Amino acid sequence: MADRVVLGGVRSLDPVLRLYLALVAFSILGSVAERALGVDSGPIKPIASAATLLAGFAAVARQAGPMGRWPIVWLFGLGVAVELAGVHTGVPFGRYSYTGAWPPSVDLPSGESFPLLLPFAWTMIVGAAMLAMPARWPVAGRVVGAAVLATAVDFVMEPVMVRELGYWVWHDPFGPFIAPLANAAGWLGTSLAGAAAWGRSNPSDRRAPVLVLSGHLALMATIGSLGGHLDLARAALVAGAAALVLWAFAECRNAC
């Protein structure tokens, strides 16, 4: 009986979301197998990484509703703009550089590397955080809650992306937090600006953004834990961020 309920719940999910969750599971199992067996996955890893991110982006975009086209364009463009400003000026995140290890990447005229998947990542994380907020909250509360949640997700990502995957380097790291304190302020401000455009968006299935964020956190926690770069504080934050997302989902089921 229980397995029929679970299977029915999975089948009721959007097919793109099911694809995303399958890719997350594949990436988690692949990371564990790679570490346990000591083998190099070769081109499978970057292909799976890109496919997972793009599927997550698509799953969020499909939940944005009929008014979601322009919020998606706004958040996508905002992600491009802040990253270009960041790598050239250090504003608003602090001074950092992409290493070219995150494919596909292009070299900018300034010589800086720029991963083409960056704006997709921004849109997936901030968009999912906004759509996961309870609909009965006022718009301002949802925007602030989404910005805080997205910033918390980045706090979890930093040790994985920097130390384990080597996607970027910070020129002025801040102790155990790896990123400078300006990074948190930059993420919070950018997420506020990005989420604000999604104020009237209401997902047709609030499970989608919840599962996108939960899957992303699970993948980051797995990669970080296997590499030994996720300390107890960040592990606790993973649990806290996941609990916040799941709480928002439960709140929505009672009130949306």
Protein backbone atom coordinates (compact mmCIF):
# COMPACT_ATOMS: atom_id res chain seq x y z
CA MET A 1 0.00 0.00 0.00
CA ALA A 2 2.75 2.44 1.01
CA ASP A 3 4.72 1.72 -2.14
CA ARG A 4 1.64 2.45 -4.25
CA VAL A 5 1.20 5.80 -2.50
CA VAL A 6 4.84 6.72 -3.08
CA LEU A 7 4.74 5.56 -6.70
CA GLY A 8 1.53 7.48 -7.29
CA GLY A 9 3.07 10.59 -5.76
CA VAL A 10 6.11 10.33 -8.01
CA ARG A 11 3.98 9.80 -11.09
CA SER A 12 1.96 12.90 -10.27
CA LEU A 13 5.09 15.07 -10.49
CA ASP A 14 5.90 17.11 -13.58
CA PRO A 15 7.96 14.95 -15.99
CA VAL A 16 10.77 17.52 -16.10
CA LEU A 17 10.91 17.49 -12.31
CA ARG A 18 11.08 13.69 -12.36
CA LEU A 19 13.98 13.93 -14.80
CA TYR A 20 15.75 16.40 -12.49
CA LEU A 21 15.32 14.14 -9.46
CA ALA A 22 16.58 11.15 -11.45
CA LEU A 23 19.66 13.12 -12.48
CA VAL A 24 20.27 14.20 -8.87
CA ALA A 25 20.07 10.57 -7.75
CA PHE A 26 22.41 9.53 -10.59
CA SER A 27 24.91 12.24 -9.63
CA ILE A 28 24.82 11.28 -5.94
CA LEU A 29 25.31 7.59 -6.69
CA GLY A 30 28.04 8.42 -9.20
CA SER A 31 29.89 10.59 -6.69
CA VAL A 32 29.74 7.85 -4.06
CA ALA A 33 30.87 5.19 -6.53
CA GLU A 34 33.70 7.38 -7.84
CA ARG A 35 35.01 7.97 -4.32
CA ALA A 36 34.55 4.37 -3.18
CA LEU A 37 36.13 2.79 -6.25
CA GLY A 38 38.76 5.46 -6.83
CA VAL A 39 37.93 5.83 -10.51
CA ASP A 40 37.69 8.89 -12.73
CA SER A 41 34.24 9.34 -14.29
CA GLY A 42 35.77 11.30 -17.17
CA PRO A 43 33.29 13.32 -19.28
CA ILE A 44 30.30 11.78 -17.49
CA LYS A 45 30.64 14.14 -14.51
CA PRO A 46 30.48 17.50 -16.38
CA ILE A 47 27.72 16.22 -18.66
CA ALA A 48 25.65 14.98 -15.71
CA SER A 49 26.31 18.23 -13.83
CA ALA A 50 25.13 20.39 -16.73
CA ALA A 51 22.10 18.19 -17.40
CA THR A 52 21.08 18.27 -13.73
CA LEU A 53 21.32 22.06 -13.53
CA LEU A 54 19.44 22.62 -16.77
CA ALA A 55 16.71 20.18 -15.72
CA GLY A 56 16.38 22.00 -12.39
CA PHE A 57 16.15 25.34 -14.20
CA ALA A 58 13.47 23.96 -16.52
CA ALA A 59 11.51 22.46 -13.61
CA VAL A 60 11.43 25.86 -11.88
CA ALA A 61 10.61 27.75 -15.09
CA ARG A 62 7.63 25.46 -15.78
CA GLN A 63 6.18 26.38 -12.38
CA ALA A 64 6.46 30.14 -12.86
CA GLY A 65 2.97 30.36 -14.31
CA PRO A 66 1.63 32.42 -17.23
CA MET A 67 3.19 35.60 -15.81
CA GLY A 68 6.56 33.94 -15.22
CA ARG A 69 8.25 34.68 -18.54
CA TRP A 70 9.50 38.14 -17.64
CA PRO A 71 10.57 37.24 -14.07
CA ILE A 72 12.66 34.42 -15.58
CA VAL A 73 14.22 36.80 -18.12
CA TRP A 74 14.86 39.38 -15.39
CA LEU A 75 16.51 36.90 -13.03
CA PHE A 76 18.55 35.34 -15.85
CA GLY A 77 19.80 38.75 -16.97
CA LEU A 78 20.45 39.81 -13.39
CA GLY A 79 22.61 36.71 -12.88
CA VAL A 80 24.68 37.59 -15.94
CA ALA A 81 25.04 41.24 -14.89
CA VAL A 82 26.11 40.67 -11.28
CA GLU A 83 28.59 37.96 -12.26
CA LEU A 84 30.18 40.13 -14.94
CA ALA A 85 30.43 42.97 -12.43
CA GLY A 86 31.75 40.60 -9.79
CA VAL A 87 34.64 39.11 -11.75
CA HIS A 88 35.72 42.53 -13.06
CA THR A 89 35.21 44.79 -10.04
CA GLY A 90 34.68 42.58 -6.97
CA VAL A 91 31.23 44.17 -6.49
CA PRO A 92 28.94 42.95 -4.99
CA PHE A 93 30.47 39.65 -3.78
CA GLY A 94 34.16 40.36 -3.22
CA ARG A 95 37.13 39.61 -5.45
CA TYR A 96 37.05 36.21 -7.14
CA SER A 97 37.84 34.49 -10.43
CA TYR A 98 36.41 31.50 -12.24
CA THR A 99 39.01 28.86 -13.03
CA GLY A 100 37.56 27.43 -16.24
CA ALA A 101 36.85 24.12 -14.47
CA TRP A 102 33.07 24.63 -14.75
CA PRO A 103 32.20 23.70 -18.35
CA PRO A 104 31.17 25.11 -20.66
CA SER A 105 33.10 28.32 -20.04
CA VAL A 106 34.17 31.19 -22.29
CA ASP A 107 37.08 33.59 -21.96
CA LEU A 108 35.98 37.21 -21.72
CA PRO A 109 37.96 40.00 -23.45
CA SER A 110 39.42 40.86 -20.04
CA GLY A 111 40.88 37.36 -19.76
CA GLU A 112 38.42 36.30 -17.06
CA SER A 113 36.66 32.96 -17.45
CA PHE A 114 32.85 32.94 -17.43
CA PRO A 115 30.80 29.72 -16.97
CA LEU A 116 27.80 29.76 -19.31
CA LEU A 117 25.63 27.90 -16.79
CA LEU A 118 25.87 30.69 -14.20
CA PRO A 119 22.60 32.49 -15.03
CA PHE A 120 20.77 29.16 -15.12
CA ALA A 121 22.03 28.44 -11.60
CA TRP A 122 20.93 31.86 -10.33
CA THR A 123 17.48 31.45 -11.83
CA MET A 124 17.06 27.93 -10.47
CA ILE A 125 18.09 28.74 -6.90
CA VAL A 126 16.45 32.14 -6.41
CA GLY A 127 13.36 31.24 -8.45
CA ALA A 128 12.86 27.98 -6.55
CA ALA A 129 13.35 29.74 -3.22
CA MET A 130 10.68 32.30 -4.11
CA LEU A 131 8.19 29.74 -5.41
CA ALA A 132 8.70 27.61 -2.30
CA MET A 133 7.51 30.38 0.02
CA PRO A 134 3.93 30.00 1.38
CA ALA A 135 1.42 31.80 -0.84
CA ARG A 136 -0.46 33.25 2.13
CA TRP A 137 2.60 35.29 3.15
CA PRO A 138 2.64 38.93 1.98
CA VAL A 139 4.79 39.51 -1.08
CA ALA A 140 7.45 41.37 0.91
CA GLY A 141 7.72 38.49 3.38
CA ARG A 142 8.06 35.96 0.59
CA VAL A 143 10.77 38.02 -1.12
CA VAL A 144 12.80 38.39 2.07
CA GLY A 145 12.31 34.74 3.00
CA ALA A 146 13.40 33.64 -0.48
CA ALA A 147 16.50 35.86 -0.38
CA VAL A 148 17.54 34.49 3.01
CA LEU A 149 16.98 30.92 1.85
CA ALA A 150 18.93 31.42 -1.40
CA THR A 151 21.82 32.97 0.56
CA ALA A 152 21.81 30.00 2.92
CA VAL A 153 21.98 27.65 -0.05
CA ASP A 154 25.05 29.49 -1.34
CA PHE A 155 26.66 29.18 2.10
CA VAL A 156 26.36 25.41 1.68
CA MET A 157 27.64 25.51 -1.92
CA GLU A 158 30.81 27.55 -1.31
CA PRO A 159 33.07 24.83 0.19
CA VAL A 160 31.92 22.35 -2.45
CA MET A 161 32.26 24.60 -5.47
CA VAL A 162 35.57 26.15 -4.35
CA ARG A 163 37.50 23.35 -2.65
CA GLU A 164 36.03 20.14 -4.04
CA LEU A 165 35.09 21.12 -7.60
CA GLY A 166 37.48 24.05 -8.02
CA TYR A 167 35.03 26.14 -10.02
CA TRP A 168 36.25 29.49 -8.67
CA VAL A 169 38.79 30.99 -6.27
CA TRP A 170 38.45 33.82 -3.78
CA HIS A 171 41.24 36.37 -3.65
CA ASP A 172 40.36 37.42 -0.09
CA PRO A 173 38.91 34.32 1.63
CA PHE A 174 37.47 34.73 5.10
CA GLY A 175 38.74 31.93 7.34
CA PRO A 176 36.51 28.87 7.61
CA PHE A 177 33.75 30.57 5.62
CA ILE A 178 35.97 30.51 2.49
CA ALA A 179 34.11 33.41 0.89
CA PRO A 180 34.48 36.99 2.19
CA LEU A 181 31.61 38.44 4.18
CA ALA A 182 30.72 40.64 1.22
CA ASN A 183 29.61 37.50 -0.60
CA ALA A 184 26.70 36.97 1.79
CA ALA A 185 25.63 40.60 1.39
CA GLY A 186 25.94 40.31 -2.39
CA TRP A 187 23.88 37.14 -2.49
CA LEU A 188 21.23 38.63 -0.22
CA GLY A 189 20.94 41.82 -2.26
CA THR A 190 20.92 40.06 -5.61
CA SER A 191 18.38 37.52 -4.39
CA LEU A 192 16.13 40.30 -3.09
CA ALA A 193 16.24 42.03 -6.48
CA GLY A 194 15.70 38.76 -8.33
CA ALA A 195 12.89 37.42 -6.14
CA ALA A 196 11.00 40.72 -6.17
CA ALA A 197 10.11 40.19 -9.82
CA TRP A 198 8.45 36.87 -8.91
CA GLY A 199 6.03 38.46 -6.44
CA ARG A 200 2.89 37.43 -8.35
CA SER A 201 4.13 34.01 -9.42
CA ASN A 202 2.35 31.07 -7.82
CA PRO A 203 3.43 27.53 -8.79
CA SER A 204 0.84 25.04 -9.96
CA ASP A 205 2.61 22.42 -7.85
CA ARG A 206 4.50 23.78 -4.87
CA ARG A 207 6.29 20.45 -4.49
CA ALA A 208 8.40 21.33 -7.54
CA PRO A 209 10.48 24.21 -6.08
CA VAL A 210 10.71 22.38 -2.76
CA LEU A 211 12.09 19.27 -4.43
CA VAL A 212 14.44 21.26 -6.68
CA LEU A 213 16.05 22.96 -3.68
CA SER A 214 16.07 19.80 -1.59
CA GLY A 215 17.70 17.85 -4.42
CA HIS A 216 20.33 20.54 -4.92
CA LEU A 217 21.13 20.66 -1.21
CA ALA A 218 21.35 16.87 -1.03
CA LEU A 219 23.77 16.78 -3.96
CA MET A 220 25.95 19.54 -2.52
CA ALA A 221 25.96 17.89 0.93
CA THR A 222 26.96 14.55 -0.60
CA ILE A 223 29.81 15.92 -2.69
CA GLY A 224 31.04 18.08 0.18
CA SER A 225 30.87 15.28 2.73
CA LEU A 226 32.71 12.84 0.46
CA GLY A 227 35.46 15.39 -0.05
CA GLY A 228 35.68 16.27 3.62
CA HIS A 229 34.90 19.94 2.96
CA LEU A 230 31.55 20.18 4.71
CA ASP A 231 32.11 20.80 8.43
CA LEU A 232 29.54 20.36 11.17
CA ALA A 233 28.37 23.96 10.96
CA ARG A 234 27.59 23.67 7.28
CA ALA A 235 26.05 20.23 7.75
CA ALA A 236 23.73 21.79 10.33
CA LEU A 237 22.92 24.58 7.89
CA VAL A 238 22.05 22.03 5.22
CA ALA A 239 19.59 20.45 7.63
CA GLY A 240 18.24 23.86 8.64
CA ALA A 241 17.78 25.07 5.07
CA ALA A 242 16.13 21.80 4.07
CA ALA A 243 13.86 21.99 7.11
CA LEU A 244 12.86 25.55 6.17
CA VAL A 245 11.94 24.46 2.67
CA LEU A 246 9.98 21.46 3.90
CA TRP A 247 8.26 23.61 6.52
CA ALA A 248 7.21 26.06 3.82
CA PHE A 249 5.78 23.15 1.87
CA ALA A 250 3.86 21.88 4.89
CA GLU A 251 2.61 25.39 5.59
CA CYS A 252 1.40 25.66 2.03
CA ARG A 253 -0.44 22.37 2.15
CA ASN A 254 -2.38 23.70 5.12
CA ALA A 255 -3.12 27.12 3.74
CA CYS A 256 -2.58 27.39 -0.04
